[in-house]
PDB file of N, CA and C in Angstrom:
ATOM      1  N   ALA A   1     -14.277  11.701  18.337  1.00  0.00           N
ATOM      2  CA  ALA A   1     -14.211  11.144  19.681  1.00  0.00           C
ATOM      3  C   ALA A   1     -13.228  11.968  20.502  1.00  0.00           C
ATOM      4  N   ASP A   2     -13.487  12.077  21.774  1.00  0.00           N
ATOM      5  CA  ASP A   2     -12.593  12.802  22.679  1.00  0.00           C
ATOM      6  C   ASP A   2     -11.626  11.809  23.310  1.00  0.00           C
ATOM      7  N   PHE A   3     -10.657  11.316  22.539  1.00  0.00           N
ATOM      8  CA  PHE A   3      -9.774  10.260  23.022  1.00  0.00           C
ATOM      9  C   PHE A   3      -8.834  10.725  24.129  1.00  0.00           C
ATOM     10  N   ASP A   4      -8.558  12.035  24.208  1.00  0.00           N
ATOM     11  CA  ASP A   4      -7.634  12.530  25.230  1.00  0.00           C
ATOM     12  C   ASP A   4      -8.343  13.099  26.463  1.00  0.00           C
ATOM     13  N   ASN A   5      -9.663  12.930  26.519  1.00  0.00           N
ATOM     14  CA  ASN A   5     -10.475  13.309  27.683  1.00  0.00           C
ATOM     15  C   ASN A   5     -10.297  14.761  28.114  1.00  0.00           C
ATOM     16  N   ASP A   6     -10.178  15.674  27.139  1.00  0.00           N
ATOM     17  CA  ASP A   6     -10.030  17.088  27.499  1.00  0.00           C
ATOM     18  C   ASP A   6     -11.302  17.893  27.238  1.00  0.00           C
ATOM     19  N   GLY A   7     -12.384  17.200  26.867  1.00  0.00           N
ATOM     20  CA  GLY A   7     -13.667  17.868  26.707  1.00  0.00           C
ATOM     21  C   GLY A   7     -13.998  18.348  25.312  1.00  0.00           C
ATOM     22  N   ASP A   8     -13.090  18.164  24.341  1.00  0.00           N
ATOM     23  CA  ASP A   8     -13.411  18.547  22.967  1.00  0.00           C
ATOM     24  C   ASP A   8     -13.189  17.362  22.033  1.00  0.00           C
ATOM     25  N   GLN A   9     -13.762  17.443  20.855  1.00  0.00           N
ATOM     26  CA  GLN A   9     -13.713  16.338  19.903  1.00  0.00           C
ATOM     27  C   GLN A   9     -12.418  16.344  19.096  1.00  0.00           C
ATOM     28  N   ASP A  10     -11.823  15.169  18.950  1.00  0.00           N
ATOM     29  CA  ASP A  10     -10.625  14.960  18.147  1.00  0.00           C
ATOM     30  C   ASP A  10     -11.030  14.121  16.936  1.00  0.00           C
ATOM     31  N   LEU A  11     -10.122  13.932  15.994  1.00  0.00           N
ATOM     32  CA  LEU A  11     -10.464  13.253  14.748  1.00  0.00           C
ATOM     33  C   LEU A  11      -9.364  12.282  14.352  1.00  0.00           C
ATOM     34  N   MET A  12      -9.739  11.043  14.049  1.00  0.00           N
ATOM     35  CA  MET A  12      -8.806  10.040  13.541  1.00  0.00           C
ATOM     36  C   MET A  12      -9.159   9.754  12.098  1.00  0.00           C
ATOM     37  N   GLN A  13      -8.168   9.848  11.203  1.00  0.00           N
ATOM     38  CA  GLN A  13      -8.384   9.534   9.792  1.00  0.00           C
ATOM     39  C   GLN A  13      -7.410   8.438   9.394  1.00  0.00           C
ATOM     40  N   LEU A  14      -7.957   7.282   9.038  1.00  0.00           N
ATOM     41  CA  LEU A  14      -7.134   6.191   8.535  1.00  0.00           C
ATOM     42  C   LEU A  14      -7.030   6.339   7.031  1.00  0.00           C
ATOM     43  N   VAL A  15      -5.846   6.157   6.506  1.00  0.00           N
ATOM     44  CA  VAL A  15      -5.636   6.256   5.066  1.00  0.00           C
ATOM     45  C   VAL A  15      -5.000   4.969   4.568  1.00  0.00           C
ATOM     46  N   GLY A  16      -4.929   4.832   3.279  1.00  0.00           N
ATOM     47  CA  GLY A  16      -4.305   3.649   2.734  1.00  0.00           C
ATOM     48  C   GLY A  16      -4.665   3.431   1.289  1.00  0.00           C
ATOM     49  N   ALA A  17      -4.045   2.422   0.737  1.00  0.00           N
ATOM     50  CA  ALA A  17      -4.256   2.068  -0.658  1.00  0.00           C
ATOM     51  C   ALA A  17      -4.403   0.555  -0.740  1.00  0.00           C
ATOM     52  N   MET A  18      -4.764   0.062  -1.880  1.00  0.00           N
ATOM     53  CA  MET A  18      -4.942  -1.376  -2.043  1.00  0.00           C
ATOM     54  C   MET A  18      -3.619  -2.125  -2.157  1.00  0.00           C
ATOM     55  N   ALA A  19      -2.528  -1.444  -2.526  1.00  0.00           N
ATOM     56  CA  ALA A  19      -1.226  -2.089  -2.650  1.00  0.00           C
ATOM     57  C   ALA A  19      -0.130  -1.047  -2.480  1.00  0.00           C
ATOM     58  N   GLY A  20       1.082  -1.514  -2.209  1.00  0.00           N
ATOM     59  CA  GLY A  20       2.210  -0.594  -2.065  1.00  0.00           C
ATOM     60  C   GLY A  20       2.050   0.301  -0.858  1.00  0.00           C
ATOM     61  N   LYS A  21       2.740   1.417  -0.878  1.00  0.00           N
ATOM     62  CA  LYS A  21       2.580   2.390   0.197  1.00  0.00           C
ATOM     63  C   LYS A  21       1.197   2.995   0.102  1.00  0.00           C
ATOM     64  N   GLY A  22       0.661   3.362   1.240  1.00  0.00           N
ATOM     65  CA  GLY A  22      -0.626   4.043   1.251  1.00  0.00           C
ATOM     66  C   GLY A  22      -0.475   5.416   0.636  1.00  0.00           C
ATOM     67  N   CYS A  23      -1.564   6.134   0.543  1.00  0.00           N
ATOM     68  CA  CYS A  23      -1.509   7.476  -0.041  1.00  0.00           C
ATOM     69  C   CYS A  23      -0.989   8.479   0.971  1.00  0.00           C
ATOM     70  N   GLY A  24      -0.568   8.031   2.110  1.00  0.00           N
ATOM     71  CA  GLY A  24      -0.021   8.877   3.160  1.00  0.00           C
ATOM     72  C   GLY A  24      -0.241   8.198   4.491  1.00  0.00           C
ATOM     73  N   PRO A  25       0.365   8.723   5.539  1.00  0.00           N
ATOM     74  CA  PRO A  25       0.201   8.105   6.849  1.00  0.00           C
ATOM     75  C   PRO A  25      -1.163   8.414   7.463  1.00  0.00           C
ATOM     76  N   ASN A  26      -1.555   7.595   8.432  1.00  0.00           N
ATOM     77  CA  ASN A  26      -2.759   7.898   9.204  1.00  0.00           C
ATOM     78  C   ASN A  26      -2.600   9.254   9.862  1.00  0.00           C
ATOM     79  N   GLN A  27      -3.708   9.884  10.156  1.00  0.00           N
ATOM     80  CA  GLN A  27      -3.675  11.194  10.797  1.00  0.00           C
ATOM     81  C   GLN A  27      -4.559  11.175  12.034  1.00  0.00           C
ATOM     82  N   LEU A  28      -4.016  11.670  13.138  1.00  0.00           N
ATOM     83  CA  LEU A  28      -4.751  11.802  14.392  1.00  0.00           C
ATOM     84  C   LEU A  28      -4.761  13.284  14.743  1.00  0.00           C
ATOM     85  N   TYR A  29      -5.895  13.914  14.502  1.00  0.00           N
ATOM     86  CA  TYR A  29      -6.006  15.350  14.731  1.00  0.00           C
ATOM     87  C   TYR A  29      -6.509  15.613  16.145  1.00  0.00           C
ATOM     88  N   VAL A  30      -5.648  16.241  16.936  1.00  0.00           N
ATOM     89  CA  VAL A  30      -5.995  16.622  18.297  1.00  0.00           C
ATOM     90  C   VAL A  30      -6.543  18.039  18.262  1.00  0.00           C
ATOM     91  N   ASN A  31      -7.679  18.240  18.901  1.00  0.00           N
ATOM     92  CA  ASN A  31      -8.313  19.551  18.959  1.00  0.00           C
ATOM     93  C   ASN A  31      -7.602  20.381  20.028  1.00  0.00           C
ATOM     94  N   ALA A  32      -6.914  21.416  19.593  1.00  0.00           N
ATOM     95  CA  ALA A  32      -6.190  22.312  20.498  1.00  0.00           C
ATOM     96  C   ALA A  32      -6.780  23.707  20.347  1.00  0.00           C
ATOM     97  N   ASP A  33      -7.681  24.060  21.254  1.00  0.00           N
ATOM     98  CA  ASP A  33      -8.334  25.375  21.210  1.00  0.00           C
ATOM     99  C   ASP A  33      -9.008  25.638  19.868  1.00  0.00           C
ATOM    100  N   GLY A  34      -9.697  24.620  19.338  1.00  0.00           N
ATOM    101  CA  GLY A  34     -10.435  24.778  18.091  1.00  0.00           C
ATOM    102  C   GLY A  34      -9.620  24.535  16.837  1.00  0.00           C
ATOM    103  N   ARG A  35      -8.333  24.264  16.963  1.00  0.00           N
ATOM    104  CA  ARG A  35      -7.478  23.936  15.804  1.00  0.00           C
ATOM    105  C   ARG A  35      -7.149  22.456  15.849  1.00  0.00           C
ATOM    106  N   LEU A  36      -7.255  21.778  14.708  1.00  0.00           N
ATOM    107  CA  LEU A  36      -6.920  20.360  14.640  1.00  0.00           C
ATOM    108  C   LEU A  36      -5.464  20.212  14.213  1.00  0.00           C
ATOM    109  N   ILE A  37      -4.657  19.587  15.069  1.00  0.00           N
ATOM    110  CA  ILE A  37      -3.225  19.427  14.823  1.00  0.00           C
ATOM    111  C   ILE A  37      -2.913  17.935  14.780  1.00  0.00           C
ATOM    112  N   ASP A  38      -2.211  17.497  13.719  1.00  0.00           N
ATOM    113  CA  ASP A  38      -1.899  16.083  13.531  1.00  0.00           C
ATOM    114  C   ASP A  38      -0.832  15.628  14.537  1.00  0.00           C
ATOM    115  N   HIS A  39      -1.200  14.644  15.357  1.00  0.00           N
ATOM    116  CA  HIS A  39      -0.290  14.086  16.355  1.00  0.00           C
ATOM    117  C   HIS A  39      -0.083  12.585  16.142  1.00  0.00           C
ATOM    118  N   ALA A  40      -0.329  12.075  14.947  1.00  0.00           N
ATOM    119  CA  ALA A  40      -0.233  10.633  14.698  1.00  0.00           C
ATOM    120  C   ALA A  40       1.168  10.094  14.967  1.00  0.00           C
ATOM    121  N   VAL A  41       2.195  10.836  14.591  1.00  0.00           N
ATOM    122  CA  VAL A  41       3.570  10.386  14.828  1.00  0.00           C
ATOM    123  C   VAL A  41       3.836  10.315  16.331  1.00  0.00           C
ATOM    124  N   ALA A  42       3.455  11.353  17.054  1.00  0.00           N
ATOM    125  CA  ALA A  42       3.690  11.401  18.499  1.00  0.00           C
ATOM    126  C   ALA A  42       2.971  10.265  19.228  1.00  0.00           C
ATOM    127  N   TRP A  43       1.817   9.859  18.712  1.00  0.00           N
ATOM    128  CA  TRP A  43       1.045   8.788  19.342  1.00  0.00           C
ATOM    129  C   TRP A  43       1.335   7.422  18.705  1.00  0.00           C
ATOM    130  N   SER A  44       2.293   7.355  17.773  1.00  0.00           N
ATOM    131  CA  SER A  44       2.765   6.104  17.147  1.00  0.00           C
ATOM    132  C   SER A  44       1.695   5.340  16.375  1.00  0.00           C
ATOM    133  N   ILE A  45       0.837   6.066  15.655  1.00  0.00           N
ATOM    134  CA  ILE A  45      -0.184   5.391  14.844  1.00  0.00           C
ATOM    135  C   ILE A  45      -0.228   5.964  13.424  1.00  0.00           C
ATOM    136  N   ASP A  46       0.919   6.372  12.894  1.00  0.00           N
ATOM    137  CA  ASP A  46       0.954   7.020  11.583  1.00  0.00           C
ATOM    138  C   ASP A  46       1.108   6.051  10.416  1.00  0.00           C
ATOM    139  N   TYR A  47       1.494   4.813  10.591  1.00  0.00           N
ATOM    140  CA  TYR A  47       1.610   3.755   9.577  1.00  0.00           C
ATOM    141  C   TYR A  47       1.660   4.207   8.123  1.00  0.00           C
ATOM    142  N   GLU A  48       2.818   4.250   7.553  1.00  0.00           N
ATOM    143  CA  GLU A  48       2.909   4.666   6.155  1.00  0.00           C
ATOM    144  C   GLU A  48       2.417   3.585   5.189  1.00  0.00           C
ATOM    145  N   TYR A  49       2.343   2.338   5.625  1.00  0.00           N
ATOM    146  CA  TYR A  49       1.844   1.256   4.761  1.00  0.00           C
ATOM    147  C   TYR A  49       0.407   0.872   5.102  1.00  0.00           C
ATOM    148  N   SER A  50      -0.315   1.775   5.685  1.00  0.00           N
ATOM    149  CA  SER A  50      -1.667   1.490   6.162  1.00  0.00           C
ATOM    150  C   SER A  50      -2.631   1.127   5.036  1.00  0.00           C
ATOM    151  N   ARG A  51      -3.556   0.261   5.380  1.00  0.00           N
ATOM    152  CA  ARG A  51      -4.712  -0.014   4.528  1.00  0.00           C
ATOM    153  C   ARG A  51      -5.946   0.146   5.392  1.00  0.00           C
ATOM    154  N   GLY A  52      -5.921   1.163   6.223  1.00  0.00           N
ATOM    155  CA  GLY A  52      -6.980   1.412   7.193  1.00  0.00           C
ATOM    156  C   GLY A  52      -8.305   1.734   6.539  1.00  0.00           C
ATOM    157  N   ARG A  53      -9.370   1.385   7.223  1.00  0.00           N
ATOM    158  CA  ARG A  53     -10.694   1.619   6.682  1.00  0.00           C
ATOM    159  C   ARG A  53     -11.613   2.349   7.652  1.00  0.00           C
ATOM    160  N   ALA A  54     -11.722   1.893   8.873  1.00  0.00           N
ATOM    161  CA  ALA A  54     -12.693   2.498   9.791  1.00  0.00           C
ATOM    162  C   ALA A  54     -12.129   2.541  11.208  1.00  0.00           C
ATOM    163  N   PRO A  55     -11.814   3.730  11.725  1.00  0.00           N
ATOM    164  CA  PRO A  55     -11.369   3.814  13.113  1.00  0.00           C
ATOM    165  C   PRO A  55     -12.570   3.644  14.042  1.00  0.00           C
ATOM    166  N   THR A  56     -12.404   2.864  15.070  1.00  0.00           N
ATOM    167  CA  THR A  56     -13.472   2.651  16.037  1.00  0.00           C
ATOM    168  C   THR A  56     -12.920   2.912  17.432  1.00  0.00           C
ATOM    169  N   TRP A  57     -13.601   3.774  18.167  1.00  0.00           N
ATOM    170  CA  TRP A  57     -13.184   4.124  19.525  1.00  0.00           C
ATOM    171  C   TRP A  57     -14.016   3.331  20.520  1.00  0.00           C
ATOM    172  N   LEU A  58     -13.364   2.746  21.524  1.00  0.00           N
ATOM    173  CA  LEU A  58     -14.044   2.017  22.576  1.00  0.00           C
ATOM    174  C   LEU A  58     -13.134   1.973  23.797  1.00  0.00           C
ATOM    175  N   ASP A  59     -13.706   1.827  24.966  1.00  0.00           N
ATOM    176  CA  ASP A  59     -12.897   1.704  26.181  1.00  0.00           C
ATOM    177  C   ASP A  59     -12.745   0.221  26.486  1.00  0.00           C
ATOM    178  N   TYR A  60     -11.849  -0.419  25.767  1.00  0.00           N
ATOM    179  CA  TYR A  60     -11.665  -1.867  25.812  1.00  0.00           C
ATOM    180  C   TYR A  60     -11.339  -2.368  27.220  1.00  0.00           C
ATOM    181  N   ASP A  61     -10.512  -1.623  27.949  1.00  0.00           N
ATOM    182  CA  ASP A  61     -10.041  -2.083  29.251  1.00  0.00           C
ATOM    183  C   ASP A  61     -10.707  -1.369  30.432  1.00  0.00           C
ATOM    184  N   ASN A  62     -11.752  -0.602  30.164  1.00  0.00           N
ATOM    185  CA  ASN A  62     -12.528   0.084  31.209  1.00  0.00           C
ATOM    186  C   ASN A  62     -11.683   0.966  32.124  1.00  0.00           C
ATOM    187  N   ASP A  63     -10.702   1.677  31.549  1.00  0.00           N
ATOM    188  CA  ASP A  63      -9.863   2.569  32.355  1.00  0.00           C
ATOM    189  C   ASP A  63     -10.252   4.039  32.206  1.00  0.00           C
ATOM    190  N   GLY A  64     -11.327   4.309  31.461  1.00  0.00           N
ATOM    191  CA  GLY A  64     -11.783   5.684  31.275  1.00  0.00           C
ATOM    192  C   GLY A  64     -11.170   6.389  30.083  1.00  0.00           C
ATOM    193  N   ARG A  65     -10.228   5.730  29.378  1.00  0.00           N
ATOM    194  CA  ARG A  65      -9.612   6.309  28.179  1.00  0.00           C
ATOM    195  C   ARG A  65     -10.078   5.516  26.958  1.00  0.00           C
ATOM    196  N   LEU A  66     -10.410   6.226  25.880  1.00  0.00           N
ATOM    197  CA  LEU A  66     -10.849   5.554  24.662  1.00  0.00           C
ATOM    198  C   LEU A  66      -9.672   4.891  23.965  1.00  0.00           C
ATOM    199  N   ASP A  67      -9.794   3.606  23.702  1.00  0.00           N
ATOM    200  CA  ASP A  67      -8.809   2.846  22.948  1.00  0.00           C
ATOM    201  C   ASP A  67      -9.234   2.878  21.483  1.00  0.00           C
ATOM    202  N   LEU A  68      -8.316   2.558  20.582  1.00  0.00           N
ATOM    203  CA  LEU A  68      -8.580   2.657  19.146  1.00  0.00           C
ATOM    204  C   LEU A  68      -8.466   1.299  18.479  1.00  0.00           C
ATOM    205  N   TYR A  69      -9.527   0.899  17.782  1.00  0.00           N
ATOM    206  CA  TYR A  69      -9.451  -0.270  16.909  1.00  0.00           C
ATOM    207  C   TYR A  69      -9.191   0.250  15.503  1.00  0.00           C
ATOM    208  N   HIS A  70      -8.056  -0.131  14.941  1.00  0.00           N
ATOM    209  CA  HIS A  70      -7.615   0.281  13.609  1.00  0.00           C
ATOM    210  C   HIS A  70      -8.042  -0.813  12.639  1.00  0.00           C
ATOM    211  N   ALA A  71      -9.231  -0.674  12.070  1.00  0.00           N
ATOM    212  CA  ALA A  71      -9.725  -1.661  11.113  1.00  0.00           C
ATOM    213  C   ALA A  71      -8.961  -1.487   9.806  1.00  0.00           C
ATOM    214  N   ALA A  72      -8.441  -2.569   9.284  1.00  0.00           N
ATOM    215  CA  ALA A  72      -7.637  -2.487   8.068  1.00  0.00           C
ATOM    216  C   ALA A  72      -7.735  -3.792   7.296  1.00  0.00           C
ATOM    217  N   TYR A  73      -7.585  -3.696   5.987  1.00  0.00           N
ATOM    218  CA  TYR A  73      -7.446  -4.896   5.177  1.00  0.00           C
ATOM    219  C   TYR A  73      -6.066  -5.464   5.446  1.00  0.00           C
ATOM    220  N   ALA A  74      -6.001  -6.741   5.712  1.00  0.00           N
ATOM    221  CA  ALA A  74      -4.712  -7.376   5.951  1.00  0.00           C
ATOM    222  C   ALA A  74      -3.886  -7.357   4.670  1.00  0.00           C
ATOM    223  N   ARG A  75      -2.634  -7.015   4.802  1.00  0.00           N
ATOM    224  CA  ARG A  75      -1.714  -7.004   3.664  1.00  0.00           C
ATOM    225  C   ARG A  75      -0.987  -8.339   3.608  1.00  0.00           C
ATOM    226  N   SER A  76      -0.635  -8.795   2.426  1.00  0.00           N
ATOM    227  CA  SER A  76       0.069 -10.070   2.289  1.00  0.00           C
ATOM    228  C   SER A  76       1.455 -10.026   2.922  1.00  0.00           C
ATOM    229  N   ASP A  77       2.045  -8.822   3.048  1.00  0.00           N
ATOM    230  CA  ASP A  77       3.369  -8.701   3.659  1.00  0.00           C
ATOM    231  C   ASP A  77       3.304  -8.528   5.178  1.00  0.00           C
ATOM    232  N   GLY A  78       2.099  -8.545   5.751  1.00  0.00           N
ATOM    233  CA  GLY A  78       1.945  -8.463   7.194  1.00  0.00           C
ATOM    234  C   GLY A  78       1.959  -7.066   7.779  1.00  0.00           C
ATOM    235  N   ARG A  79       2.207  -6.057   6.958  1.00  0.00           N
ATOM    236  CA  ARG A  79       2.225  -4.686   7.463  1.00  0.00           C
ATOM    237  C   ARG A  79       0.803  -4.202   7.686  1.00  0.00           C
ATOM    238  N   SER A  80       0.618  -3.425   8.719  1.00  0.00           N
ATOM    239  CA  SER A  80      -0.655  -2.779   9.044  1.00  0.00           C
ATOM    240  C   SER A  80      -1.821  -3.758   9.181  1.00  0.00           C
ATOM    241  N   PRO A  81      -1.686  -4.761  10.073  1.00  0.00           N
ATOM    242  CA  PRO A  81      -2.830  -5.644  10.301  1.00  0.00           C
ATOM    243  C   PRO A  81      -3.905  -4.911  11.099  1.00  0.00           C
ATOM    244  N   PRO A  82      -5.131  -5.419  11.112  1.00  0.00           N
ATOM    245  CA  PRO A  82      -6.120  -4.844  12.023  1.00  0.00           C
ATOM    246  C   PRO A  82      -5.534  -4.896  13.441  1.00  0.00           C
ATOM    247  N   THR A  83      -5.597  -3.792  14.157  1.00  0.00           N
ATOM    248  CA  THR A  83      -4.910  -3.691  15.445  1.00  0.00           C
ATOM    249  C   THR A  83      -5.765  -2.953  16.464  1.00  0.00           C
ATOM    250  N   LEU A  84      -5.696  -3.396  17.702  1.00  0.00           N
ATOM    251  CA  LEU A  84      -6.320  -2.683  18.806  1.00  0.00           C
ATOM    252  C   LEU A  84      -5.215  -1.967  19.573  1.00  0.00           C
ATOM    253  N   PHE A  85      -5.330  -0.641  19.682  1.00  0.00           N
ATOM    254  CA  PHE A  85      -4.353   0.163  20.408  1.00  0.00           C
ATOM    255  C   PHE A  85      -4.922   0.558  21.758  1.00  0.00           C
ATOM    256  N   ARG A  86      -4.162   0.318  22.800  1.00  0.00           N
ATOM    257  CA  ARG A  86      -4.562   0.719  24.151  1.00  0.00           C
ATOM    258  C   ARG A  86      -4.099   2.147  24.391  1.00  0.00           C
ATOM    259  N   ASN A  87      -4.996   2.983  24.866  1.00  0.00           N
ATOM    260  CA  ASN A  87      -4.698   4.378  25.168  1.00  0.00           C
ATOM    261  C   ASN A  87      -4.142   4.435  26.588  1.00  0.00           C
ATOM    262  N   THR A  88      -2.878   4.840  26.725  1.00  0.00           N
ATOM    263  CA  THR A  88      -2.229   4.939  28.032  1.00  0.00           C
ATOM    264  C   THR A  88      -1.829   6.391  28.272  1.00  0.00           C
ATOM    265  N   PRO A  89      -1.453   6.748  29.487  1.00  0.00           N
ATOM    266  CA  PRO A  89      -0.986   8.116  29.731  1.00  0.00           C
ATOM    267  C   PRO A  89       0.228   8.487  28.873  1.00  0.00           C
ATOM    268  N   GLU A  90       0.991   7.505  28.415  1.00  0.00           N
ATOM    269  CA  GLU A  90       2.172   7.754  27.585  1.00  0.00           C
ATOM    270  C   GLU A  90       1.859   7.775  26.094  1.00  0.00           C
ATOM    271  N   GLY A  91       0.658   7.418  25.704  1.00  0.00           N
ATOM    272  CA  GLY A  91       0.276   7.356  24.296  1.00  0.00           C
ATOM    273  C   GLY A  91      -0.319   5.999  23.972  1.00  0.00           C
ATOM    274  N   PHE A  92      -0.572   5.760  22.692  1.00  0.00           N
ATOM    275  CA  PHE A  92      -1.140   4.482  22.273  1.00  0.00           C
ATOM    276  C   PHE A  92      -0.051   3.425  22.214  1.00  0.00           C
ATOM    277  N   VAL A  93      -0.365   2.247  22.692  1.00  0.00           N
ATOM    278  CA  VAL A  93       0.532   1.108  22.566  1.00  0.00           C
ATOM    279  C   VAL A  93      -0.252  -0.011  21.898  1.00  0.00           C
ATOM    280  N   THR A  94       0.439  -0.813  21.097  1.00  0.00           N
ATOM    281  CA  THR A  94      -0.213  -1.934  20.441  1.00  0.00           C
ATOM    282  C   THR A  94      -0.639  -2.923  21.507  1.00  0.00           C
ATOM    283  N   PHE A  95      -1.920  -3.158  21.595  1.00  0.00           N
ATOM    284  CA  PHE A  95      -2.457  -4.068  22.598  1.00  0.00           C
ATOM    285  C   PHE A  95      -2.652  -5.438  21.975  1.00  0.00           C
ATOM    286  N   VAL A  96      -3.279  -5.474  20.818  1.00  0.00           N
ATOM    287  CA  VAL A  96      -3.492  -6.715  20.092  1.00  0.00           C
ATOM    288  C   VAL A  96      -3.312  -6.413  18.613  1.00  0.00           C
ATOM    289  N   SER A  97      -2.364  -7.085  17.975  1.00  0.00           N
ATOM    290  CA  SER A  97      -2.278  -6.985  16.513  1.00  0.00           C
ATOM    291  C   SER A  97      -2.512  -8.400  16.009  1.00  0.00           C
ATOM    292  N   ARG A  98      -2.941  -8.694  14.945  1.00  0.00           N
ATOM    293  CA  ARG A  98      -3.316 -10.046  14.502  1.00  0.00           C
ATOM    294  C   ARG A  98      -4.526 -10.531  15.285  1.00  0.00           C
ATOM    295  N   LEU A  99      -5.597  -9.812  15.180  1.00  0.00           N
ATOM    296  CA  LEU A  99      -6.809 -10.184  15.896  1.00  0.00           C
ATOM    297  C   LEU A  99      -7.330 -11.527  15.416  1.00  0.00           C
ATOM    298  N   ALA A 100      -8.092 -12.171  16.251  1.00  0.00           N
ATOM    299  CA  ALA A 100      -8.533 -13.538  16.001  1.00  0.00           C
ATOM    300  C   ALA A 100      -9.663 -13.652  14.991  1.00  0.00           C
ATOM    301  N   PHE A 101     -10.103 -12.543  14.432  1.00  0.00           N
ATOM    302  CA  PHE A 101     -11.162 -12.614  13.427  1.00  0.00           C
ATOM    303  C   PHE A 101     -10.693 -11.922  12.163  1.00  0.00           C
ATOM    304  N   SER A 102     -11.317 -12.249  11.067  1.00  0.00           N
ATOM    305  CA  SER A 102     -10.934 -11.645   9.792  1.00  0.00           C
ATOM    306  C   SER A 102     -12.148 -10.988   9.170  1.00  0.00           C
ATOM    307  N   HIS A 103     -11.924 -10.264   8.051  1.00  0.00           N
ATOM    308  CA  HIS A 103     -13.039  -9.582   7.394  1.00  0.00           C
ATOM    309  C   HIS A 103     -13.291 -10.157   6.048  1.00  0.00           C
TER     310      HIS A 103
END
């Protein structure tokens, strides 16, 4: 998905494990002149305790920027719940965490 609206495709990879720390943080690869560079930390979506499963891009608020739904298995400790991130000019901000539906 072209989440940064620069005309090229970017890549979001959610990672995680069934318990404990995930196998690494989420990765958000921004396409910079044909090179994919991880910007997950800069965009605040790197979650080291992630149990992410399927990233879904949608323009939730109709502002022309793709927002990110971080589908994840809920953890018993509350870390890394399924979350909707709003894409703003400053980066992603948590828009809704603890969504009203479960999987």
